[in-house]
């Protein structure tokens, strides 16, 4: 069975996969798997940009998203036989049987099916099934310059899949697109000396979660501290430095990445 594996730590947001998909499918007929993709409006492979944090502590996430080629695809259930799953795991919309069935667009909980008004058919990523049949990789994976996006046999990726995640597993679709190093939330801030107006290095910052977790970091050469890969929840923070009064912050509600701002310490 085929899978996609996407390493978020390697994706630099070059949009190469999205452009490669366009190059392969716009104005190209790959029947029986797909009629030509229109040059606008469709993103069978799309890049989603998410801004984490607040200025000046900001990180930008680039996430490639395509059809998830699920093991339990909602689109198949809603298709009246117009969508099928190949033996290798790729999910295909039959361009002939799906003609006129606009409801298919709303069947995908990942919003990866698009409507081609001109051809009167729903379309999506095919996994470049026409290339896979020739023993090749999908264009997006072949084009990826950083190796962030890969495609192949599930068995060959077994060790990585064991540490990977899928998007929105609660939907119950069992996606076959696996993500490594998906960004979590972060909490950041910086510590400085109020009297001397200087940053404080090596201040000890402790973050505690309501679930009993506890993490400690030290401020860096810029007086900054970062707690990364955090889950949503409630936290408290304590800052300590030799010769200074400690500072505590309770009731930090983490629903998105947070820059807590400046913490001026007093001696």
C-alpha atoms as a PDB file:
ATOM      1  CA  UNK A   1       0.000   0.000   0.000  1.00  0.00           C
ATOM      2  CA  UNK A   2       1.244   3.445  -0.934  1.00  0.00           C
ATOM      3  CA  UNK A   3       1.625   6.355   1.493  1.00  0.00           C
ATOM      4  CA  UNK A   4       2.794   9.934   1.527  1.00  0.00           C
ATOM      5  CA  UNK A   5       5.168  11.018   4.300  1.00  0.00           C
ATOM      6  CA  UNK A   6       5.664  14.749   4.879  1.00  0.00           C
ATOM      7  CA  UNK A   7       8.394  16.033   7.199  1.00  0.00           C
ATOM      8  CA  UNK A   8       7.338  19.476   8.372  1.00  0.00           C
ATOM      9  CA  UNK A   9      10.829  20.192   9.674  1.00  0.00           C
ATOM     10  CA  UNK A  10      12.126  20.084   6.096  1.00  0.00           C
ATOM     11  CA  UNK A  11       9.357  22.043   4.365  1.00  0.00           C
ATOM     12  CA  UNK A  12      10.522  25.602   3.639  1.00  0.00           C
ATOM     13  CA  UNK A  13       7.376  26.785   1.892  1.00  0.00           C
ATOM     14  CA  UNK A  14       8.824  26.946  -1.613  1.00  0.00           C
ATOM     15  CA  UNK A  15       5.457  25.962  -3.117  1.00  0.00           C
ATOM     16  CA  UNK A  16       7.301  23.600  -5.474  1.00  0.00           C
ATOM     17  CA  UNK A  17       4.870  20.735  -4.853  1.00  0.00           C
ATOM     18  CA  UNK A  18       1.882  22.941  -5.612  1.00  0.00           C
ATOM     19  CA  UNK A  19       3.462  24.219  -8.808  1.00  0.00           C
ATOM     20  CA  UNK A  20       4.548  20.728  -9.882  1.00  0.00           C
ATOM     21  CA  UNK A  21       0.979  19.509  -9.485  1.00  0.00           C
ATOM     22  CA  UNK A  22      -0.252  22.355 -11.669  1.00  0.00           C
ATOM     23  CA  UNK A  23       2.379  21.611 -14.292  1.00  0.00           C
ATOM     24  CA  UNK A  24       1.398  17.953 -14.403  1.00  0.00           C
ATOM     25  CA  UNK A  25      -2.372  18.347 -14.497  1.00  0.00           C
ATOM     26  CA  UNK A  26      -3.376  21.732 -15.933  1.00  0.00           C
ATOM     27  CA  UNK A  27      -4.442  21.231 -19.574  1.00  0.00           C
ATOM     28  CA  UNK A  28      -3.311  17.582 -19.428  1.00  0.00           C
ATOM     29  CA  UNK A  29      -5.772  14.722 -19.785  1.00  0.00           C
ATOM     30  CA  UNK A  30      -4.788  11.673 -17.734  1.00  0.00           C
ATOM     31  CA  UNK A  31      -7.837   9.510 -18.281  1.00  0.00           C
ATOM     32  CA  UNK A  32      -9.093   7.242 -16.881  1.00  0.00           C
ATOM     33  CA  UNK A  33      -7.852   8.892 -13.686  1.00  0.00           C
ATOM     34  CA  UNK A  34      -8.375  12.591 -14.296  1.00  0.00           C
ATOM     35  CA  UNK A  35      -9.536  15.091 -16.821  1.00  0.00           C
ATOM     36  CA  UNK A  36      -7.474  18.314 -17.116  1.00  0.00           C
ATOM     37  CA  UNK A  37      -7.232  20.496 -14.040  1.00  0.00           C
ATOM     38  CA  UNK A  38      -8.290  24.122 -14.627  1.00  0.00           C
ATOM     39  CA  UNK A  39      -5.514  26.693 -14.395  1.00  0.00           C
ATOM     40  CA  UNK A  40      -7.230  28.610 -11.575  1.00  0.00           C
ATOM     41  CA  UNK A  41      -9.276  27.700  -8.527  1.00  0.00           C
ATOM     42  CA  UNK A  42      -7.974  24.165  -7.956  1.00  0.00           C
ATOM     43  CA  UNK A  43      -5.192  23.191  -5.565  1.00  0.00           C
ATOM     44  CA  UNK A  44      -4.962  19.410  -5.600  1.00  0.00           C
ATOM     45  CA  UNK A  45      -1.770  19.969  -3.628  1.00  0.00           C
ATOM     46  CA  UNK A  46      -2.014  23.165  -1.622  1.00  0.00           C
ATOM     47  CA  UNK A  47       0.237  24.882   0.866  1.00  0.00           C
ATOM     48  CA  UNK A  48      -1.449  26.151   4.017  1.00  0.00           C
ATOM     49  CA  UNK A  49       0.361  28.953   5.832  1.00  0.00           C
ATOM     50  CA  UNK A  50      -0.137  29.435   9.571  1.00  0.00           C
ATOM     51  CA  UNK A  51       1.402  32.229  11.641  1.00  0.00           C
ATOM     52  CA  UNK A  52       2.270  31.125  15.170  1.00  0.00           C
ATOM     53  CA  UNK A  53       2.851  33.645  17.942  1.00  0.00           C
ATOM     54  CA  UNK A  54       2.884  37.412  17.976  1.00  0.00           C
ATOM     55  CA  UNK A  55       5.508  39.996  17.012  1.00  0.00           C
ATOM     56  CA  UNK A  56       8.410  39.818  17.628  1.00  0.00           C
ATOM     57  CA  UNK A  57       8.210  36.079  18.412  1.00  0.00           C
ATOM     58  CA  UNK A  58       6.665  34.664  15.279  1.00  0.00           C
ATOM     59  CA  UNK A  59       7.109  31.380  13.444  1.00  0.00           C
ATOM     60  CA  UNK A  60       5.548  30.572  10.082  1.00  0.00           C
ATOM     61  CA  UNK A  61       4.318  27.069   9.342  1.00  0.00           C
ATOM     62  CA  UNK A  62       3.969  25.734   5.813  1.00  0.00           C
ATOM     63  CA  UNK A  63       1.822  22.628   5.531  1.00  0.00           C
ATOM     64  CA  UNK A  64       1.323  20.688   2.259  1.00  0.00           C
ATOM     65  CA  UNK A  65      -2.235  19.337   2.091  1.00  0.00           C
ATOM     66  CA  UNK A  66      -3.750  17.118  -0.590  1.00  0.00           C
ATOM     67  CA  UNK A  67      -6.261  14.291  -0.739  1.00  0.00           C
ATOM     68  CA  UNK A  68      -5.512  12.083   2.261  1.00  0.00           C
ATOM     69  CA  UNK A  69      -6.218   8.844   0.309  1.00  0.00           C
ATOM     70  CA  UNK A  70      -8.027   7.604   3.390  1.00  0.00           C
ATOM     71  CA  UNK A  71      -8.654   3.972   4.245  1.00  0.00           C
ATOM     72  CA  UNK A  72     -12.240   4.925   5.138  1.00  0.00           C
ATOM     73  CA  UNK A  73     -12.976   7.770   2.715  1.00  0.00           C
ATOM     74  CA  UNK A  74     -16.174   9.733   3.280  1.00  0.00           C
ATOM     75  CA  UNK A  75     -16.149  10.595  -0.424  1.00  0.00           C
ATOM     76  CA  UNK A  76     -16.627   6.943  -1.394  1.00  0.00           C
ATOM     77  CA  UNK A  77     -19.695   6.643   0.808  1.00  0.00           C
ATOM     78  CA  UNK A  78     -21.214   9.739  -0.806  1.00  0.00           C
ATOM     79  CA  UNK A  79     -20.269   8.955  -4.396  1.00  0.00           C
ATOM     80  CA  UNK A  80     -22.816   6.362  -5.557  1.00  0.00           C
ATOM     81  CA  UNK A  81     -19.969   4.344  -7.033  1.00  0.00           C
ATOM     82  CA  UNK A  82     -18.135   7.276  -8.621  1.00  0.00           C
ATOM     83  CA  UNK A  83     -15.147   7.084  -6.240  1.00  0.00           C
ATOM     84  CA  UNK A  84     -13.031   4.011  -5.710  1.00  0.00           C
ATOM     85  CA  UNK A  85      -9.892   2.933  -3.875  1.00  0.00           C
ATOM     86  CA  UNK A  86      -7.158   1.170  -5.823  1.00  0.00           C
ATOM     87  CA  UNK A  87      -5.334  -1.857  -4.479  1.00  0.00           C
ATOM     88  CA  UNK A  88      -2.289   0.338  -3.854  1.00  0.00           C
ATOM     89  CA  UNK A  89      -4.354   2.683  -1.641  1.00  0.00           C
ATOM     90  CA  UNK A  90      -4.842   5.635  -3.982  1.00  0.00           C
ATOM     91  CA  UNK A  91      -8.383   7.032  -3.956  1.00  0.00           C
ATOM     92  CA  UNK A  92      -9.680   8.009  -7.403  1.00  0.00           C
ATOM     93  CA  UNK A  93     -12.724   9.957  -8.558  1.00  0.00           C
ATOM     94  CA  UNK A  94     -13.929   8.338 -11.787  1.00  0.00           C
ATOM     95  CA  UNK A  95     -14.208  11.340 -14.141  1.00  0.00           C
ATOM     96  CA  UNK A  96     -17.026   9.714 -16.119  1.00  0.00           C
ATOM     97  CA  UNK A  97     -19.160   8.308 -13.291  1.00  0.00           C
ATOM     98  CA  UNK A  98     -18.728  11.457 -11.184  1.00  0.00           C
ATOM     99  CA  UNK A  99     -19.920  13.831 -13.889  1.00  0.00           C
ATOM    100  CA  UNK A 100     -22.572  16.193 -12.562  1.00  0.00           C
ATOM    101  CA  UNK A 101     -22.172  15.065  -8.917  1.00  0.00           C
ATOM    102  CA  UNK A 102     -21.318  18.396  -7.302  1.00  0.00           C
ATOM    103  CA  UNK A 103     -22.158  17.053  -3.841  1.00  0.00           C
ATOM    104  CA  UNK A 104     -18.829  15.223  -3.863  1.00  0.00           C
ATOM    105  CA  UNK A 105     -17.106  18.539  -3.142  1.00  0.00           C
ATOM    106  CA  UNK A 106     -18.785  18.661   0.275  1.00  0.00           C
ATOM    107  CA  UNK A 107     -18.127  15.008   1.062  1.00  0.00           C
ATOM    108  CA  UNK A 108     -14.462  15.456   1.948  1.00  0.00           C
ATOM    109  CA  UNK A 109     -13.926  16.613   5.551  1.00  0.00           C
ATOM    110  CA  UNK A 110     -10.420  17.780   4.566  1.00  0.00           C
ATOM    111  CA  UNK A 111     -11.800  20.067   1.814  1.00  0.00           C
ATOM    112  CA  UNK A 112      -9.539  18.631  -0.878  1.00  0.00           C
ATOM    113  CA  UNK A 113     -12.163  18.051  -3.598  1.00  0.00           C
ATOM    114  CA  UNK A 114     -12.810  20.809  -6.130  1.00  0.00           C
ATOM    115  CA  UNK A 115     -15.522  21.454  -8.709  1.00  0.00           C
ATOM    116  CA  UNK A 116     -14.582  21.914 -12.349  1.00  0.00           C
ATOM    117  CA  UNK A 117     -17.373  24.092 -13.706  1.00  0.00           C
ATOM    118  CA  UNK A 118     -16.290  23.763 -17.323  1.00  0.00           C
ATOM    119  CA  UNK A 119     -16.087  19.968 -17.293  1.00  0.00           C
ATOM    120  CA  UNK A 120     -18.980  19.540 -14.815  1.00  0.00           C
ATOM    121  CA  UNK A 121     -17.031  17.154 -12.592  1.00  0.00           C
ATOM    122  CA  UNK A 122     -15.510  16.963  -9.119  1.00  0.00           C
ATOM    123  CA  UNK A 123     -11.709  16.602  -9.086  1.00  0.00           C
ATOM    124  CA  UNK A 124      -8.854  16.083  -6.655  1.00  0.00           C
ATOM    125  CA  UNK A 125      -5.346  14.683  -6.272  1.00  0.00           C
ATOM    126  CA  UNK A 126      -4.990  11.268  -7.889  1.00  0.00           C
ATOM    127  CA  UNK A 127      -1.585  10.590  -6.407  1.00  0.00           C
ATOM    128  CA  UNK A 128      -0.497  10.917 -10.032  1.00  0.00           C
ATOM    129  CA  UNK A 129      -1.819   7.388 -10.554  1.00  0.00           C
ATOM    130  CA  UNK A 130      -0.819   7.558 -14.222  1.00  0.00           C
ATOM    131  CA  UNK A 131       2.815   7.985 -13.165  1.00  0.00           C
ATOM    132  CA  UNK A 132       2.610   5.411 -10.370  1.00  0.00           C
ATOM    133  CA  UNK A 133       1.410   2.886 -12.948  1.00  0.00           C
ATOM    134  CA  UNK A 134       4.728   3.465 -14.730  1.00  0.00           C
ATOM    135  CA  UNK A 135       6.725   2.895 -11.540  1.00  0.00           C
ATOM    136  CA  UNK A 136       7.315   6.614 -10.992  1.00  0.00           C
ATOM    137  CA  UNK A 137       6.588   8.950  -8.085  1.00  0.00           C
ATOM    138  CA  UNK A 138       3.874  11.617  -8.055  1.00  0.00           C
ATOM    139  CA  UNK A 139       5.173  14.908  -9.441  1.00  0.00           C
ATOM    140  CA  UNK A 140       4.917  16.689  -6.075  1.00  0.00           C
ATOM    141  CA  UNK A 141       7.173  14.149  -4.368  1.00  0.00           C
ATOM    142  CA  UNK A 142       9.566  13.964  -7.296  1.00  0.00           C
ATOM    143  CA  UNK A 143       9.909  17.759  -7.382  1.00  0.00           C
ATOM    144  CA  UNK A 144      10.372  18.377  -3.635  1.00  0.00           C
ATOM    145  CA  UNK A 145      13.853  19.879  -3.315  1.00  0.00           C
ATOM    146  CA  UNK A 146      14.264  19.348   0.440  1.00  0.00           C
ATOM    147  CA  UNK A 147      12.960  15.789   0.676  1.00  0.00           C
ATOM    148  CA  UNK A 148      10.102  16.965   2.868  1.00  0.00           C
ATOM    149  CA  UNK A 149       7.502  15.229   0.709  1.00  0.00           C
ATOM    150  CA  UNK A 150       8.003  11.567  -0.093  1.00  0.00           C
ATOM    151  CA  UNK A 151       5.923   8.747  -1.527  1.00  0.00           C
ATOM    152  CA  UNK A 152       6.315   5.003  -1.480  1.00  0.00           C
ATOM    153  CA  UNK A 153       5.420   1.701   0.101  1.00  0.00           C
ATOM    154  CA  UNK A 154       4.039   1.767   3.624  1.00  0.00           C
ATOM    155  CA  UNK A 155       6.469  -0.946   4.721  1.00  0.00           C
ATOM    156  CA  UNK A 156       9.450   1.151   3.655  1.00  0.00           C
ATOM    157  CA  UNK A 157       8.295   4.026   5.879  1.00  0.00           C
ATOM    158  CA  UNK A 158       7.242   1.871   8.845  1.00  0.00           C
ATOM    159  CA  UNK A 159       9.757   3.321  11.321  1.00  0.00           C
ATOM    160  CA  UNK A 160       8.829   6.912  10.458  1.00  0.00           C
ATOM    161  CA  UNK A 161       5.097   6.237  10.421  1.00  0.00           C
ATOM    162  CA  UNK A 162       5.400   4.908  13.977  1.00  0.00           C
ATOM    163  CA  UNK A 163       6.396   8.438  15.038  1.00  0.00           C
ATOM    164  CA  UNK A 164       4.134  10.314  12.636  1.00  0.00           C
ATOM    165  CA  UNK A 165       0.716  11.931  12.947  1.00  0.00           C
ATOM    166  CA  UNK A 166      -2.278  12.312  10.668  1.00  0.00           C
ATOM    167  CA  UNK A 167      -4.463  15.374  10.369  1.00  0.00           C
ATOM    168  CA  UNK A 168      -7.660  15.329  12.413  1.00  0.00           C
ATOM    169  CA  UNK A 169      -7.641  11.631  13.347  1.00  0.00           C
ATOM    170  CA  UNK A 170     -10.908  12.163  15.216  1.00  0.00           C
ATOM    171  CA  UNK A 171     -12.687  12.290  11.845  1.00  0.00           C
ATOM    172  CA  UNK A 172     -12.167   8.537  11.586  1.00  0.00           C
ATOM    173  CA  UNK A 173     -11.089   8.569   7.923  1.00  0.00           C
ATOM    174  CA  UNK A 174      -7.720   6.863   8.562  1.00  0.00           C
ATOM    175  CA  UNK A 175      -5.590   9.028   6.230  1.00  0.00           C
ATOM    176  CA  UNK A 176      -2.608   7.594   4.396  1.00  0.00           C
ATOM    177  CA  UNK A 177      -0.768  10.920   4.408  1.00  0.00           C
ATOM    178  CA  UNK A 178       1.544  10.979   7.416  1.00  0.00           C
ATOM    179  CA  UNK A 179       3.178  14.050   8.949  1.00  0.00           C
ATOM    180  CA  UNK A 180       6.443  14.172  10.860  1.00  0.00           C
ATOM    181  CA  UNK A 181       7.322  17.083  13.164  1.00  0.00           C
ATOM    182  CA  UNK A 182       3.957  18.794  12.998  1.00  0.00           C
ATOM    183  CA  UNK A 183       4.357  22.124  14.813  1.00  0.00           C
ATOM    184  CA  UNK A 184       2.713  22.371  18.192  1.00  0.00           C
ATOM    185  CA  UNK A 185       2.177  25.532  20.197  1.00  0.00           C
ATOM    186  CA  UNK A 186       4.932  27.540  21.848  1.00  0.00           C
ATOM    187  CA  UNK A 187       5.228  29.988  24.722  1.00  0.00           C
ATOM    188  CA  UNK A 188       7.952  32.638  24.546  1.00  0.00           C
ATOM    189  CA  UNK A 189       9.067  35.821  26.215  1.00  0.00           C
ATOM    190  CA  UNK A 190      12.158  37.754  27.267  1.00  0.00           C
ATOM    191  CA  UNK A 191      13.704  38.735  30.579  1.00  0.00           C
ATOM    192  CA  UNK A 192      15.591  41.933  31.401  1.00  0.00           C
ATOM    193  CA  UNK A 193      16.958  44.068  34.244  1.00  0.00           C
ATOM    194  CA  UNK A 194      14.624  46.976  34.882  1.00  0.00           C
ATOM    195  CA  UNK A 195      17.249  49.155  36.612  1.00  0.00           C
ATOM    196  CA  UNK A 196      20.106  48.625  34.158  1.00  0.00           C
ATOM    197  CA  UNK A 197      17.883  48.248  31.090  1.00  0.00           C
ATOM    198  CA  UNK A 198      19.870  45.164  30.048  1.00  0.00           C
ATOM    199  CA  UNK A 199      18.801  41.661  29.095  1.00  0.00           C
ATOM    200  CA  UNK A 200      19.349  38.864  31.616  1.00  0.00           C
ATOM    201  CA  UNK A 201      21.033  35.702  30.392  1.00  0.00           C
ATOM    202  CA  UNK A 202      20.638  32.300  32.049  1.00  0.00           C
ATOM    203  CA  UNK A 203      17.537  33.207  33.989  1.00  0.00           C
ATOM    204  CA  UNK A 204      15.733  29.994  34.904  1.00  0.00           C
ATOM    205  CA  UNK A 205      12.217  29.797  33.505  1.00  0.00           C
ATOM    206  CA  UNK A 206       9.913  26.995  34.650  1.00  0.00           C
ATOM    207  CA  UNK A 207       6.645  26.124  32.945  1.00  0.00           C
ATOM    208  CA  UNK A 208       4.120  23.888  34.654  1.00  0.00           C
ATOM    209  CA  UNK A 209       1.052  22.331  33.113  1.00  0.00           C
ATOM    210  CA  UNK A 210      -2.147  21.397  34.882  1.00  0.00           C
ATOM    211  CA  UNK A 211      -1.558  17.794  33.843  1.00  0.00           C
ATOM    212  CA  UNK A 212       1.557  17.661  36.020  1.00  0.00           C
ATOM    213  CA  UNK A 213       4.133  18.269  33.290  1.00  0.00           C
ATOM    214  CA  UNK A 214       7.048  20.558  34.108  1.00  0.00           C
ATOM    215  CA  UNK A 215       9.711  22.037  31.834  1.00  0.00           C
ATOM    216  CA  UNK A 216      12.679  24.304  32.539  1.00  0.00           C
ATOM    217  CA  UNK A 217      14.760  26.412  30.163  1.00  0.00           C
ATOM    218  CA  UNK A 218      17.296  29.208  30.538  1.00  0.00           C
ATOM    219  CA  UNK A 219      17.173  32.554  28.759  1.00  0.00           C
ATOM    220  CA  UNK A 220      19.579  32.820  25.839  1.00  0.00           C
ATOM    221  CA  UNK A 221      22.098  35.488  24.806  1.00  0.00           C
ATOM    222  CA  UNK A 222      19.214  37.809  23.948  1.00  0.00           C
ATOM    223  CA  UNK A 223      17.311  37.238  27.179  1.00  0.00           C
ATOM    224  CA  UNK A 224      14.720  35.186  25.303  1.00  0.00           C
ATOM    225  CA  UNK A 225      13.078  31.960  26.414  1.00  0.00           C
ATOM    226  CA  UNK A 226      11.075  29.445  24.381  1.00  0.00           C
ATOM    227  CA  UNK A 227       8.947  26.462  25.307  1.00  0.00           C
ATOM    228  CA  UNK A 228       8.137  24.526  22.139  1.00  0.00           C
ATOM    229  CA  UNK A 229       5.964  21.605  21.090  1.00  0.00           C
ATOM    230  CA  UNK A 230       3.307  22.342  23.683  1.00  0.00           C
ATOM    231  CA  UNK A 231      -0.233  21.050  23.700  1.00  0.00           C
ATOM    232  CA  UNK A 232      -3.197  23.300  24.322  1.00  0.00           C
ATOM    233  CA  UNK A 233      -4.077  23.694  27.976  1.00  0.00           C
ATOM    234  CA  UNK A 234      -3.515  25.685  31.151  1.00  0.00           C
ATOM    235  CA  UNK A 235      -0.028  26.577  32.338  1.00  0.00           C
ATOM    236  CA  UNK A 236       1.813  28.622  34.952  1.00  0.00           C
ATOM    237  CA  UNK A 237       5.241  30.224  34.649  1.00  0.00           C
ATOM    238  CA  UNK A 238       8.006  31.143  37.094  1.00  0.00           C
ATOM    239  CA  UNK A 239      11.146  33.170  36.329  1.00  0.00           C
ATOM    240  CA  UNK A 240      14.162  33.146  38.650  1.00  0.00           C
ATOM    241  CA  UNK A 241      17.613  34.719  38.371  1.00  0.00           C
ATOM    242  CA  UNK A 242      20.429  35.140  40.889  1.00  0.00           C
ATOM    243  CA  UNK A 243      20.156  38.478  42.694  1.00  0.00           C
ATOM    244  CA  UNK A 244      16.624  39.205  41.409  1.00  0.00           C
ATOM    245  CA  UNK A 245      13.121  38.802  42.758  1.00  0.00           C
ATOM    246  CA  UNK A 246      11.284  35.954  41.127  1.00  0.00           C
ATOM    247  CA  UNK A 247       8.232  36.547  38.947  1.00  0.00           C
ATOM    248  CA  UNK A 248       5.275  34.212  38.513  1.00  0.00           C
ATOM    249  CA  UNK A 249       2.435  34.137  36.019  1.00  0.00           C
ATOM    250  CA  UNK A 250      -0.571  31.952  36.687  1.00  0.00           C
ATOM    251  CA  UNK A 251      -3.547  31.032  34.536  1.00  0.00           C
ATOM    252  CA  UNK A 252      -1.884  30.994  31.115  1.00  0.00           C
ATOM    253  CA  UNK A 253      -4.477  29.609  28.731  1.00  0.00           C
ATOM    254  CA  UNK A 254      -2.734  28.190  25.676  1.00  0.00           C
ATOM    255  CA  UNK A 255      -5.078  27.940  22.687  1.00  0.00           C
ATOM    256  CA  UNK A 256      -2.546  29.264  20.180  1.00  0.00           C
ATOM    257  CA  UNK A 257       1.168  30.067  20.354  1.00  0.00           C
ATOM    258  CA  UNK A 258       1.867  32.946  22.728  1.00  0.00           C
ATOM    259  CA  UNK A 259       4.498  35.636  23.084  1.00  0.00           C
ATOM    260  CA  UNK A 260       4.123  36.607  26.737  1.00  0.00           C
ATOM    261  CA  UNK A 261       6.237  39.710  26.166  1.00  0.00           C
ATOM    262  CA  UNK A 262       8.744  41.376  28.479  1.00  0.00           C
ATOM    263  CA  UNK A 263       9.503  40.400  32.050  1.00  0.00           C
ATOM    264  CA  UNK A 264      11.496  43.139  33.831  1.00  0.00           C
ATOM    265  CA  UNK A 265      13.105  41.792  36.997  1.00  0.00           C
ATOM    266  CA  UNK A 266      14.011  43.830  40.052  1.00  0.00           C
ATOM    267  CA  UNK A 267      16.917  43.267  42.418  1.00  0.00           C
END
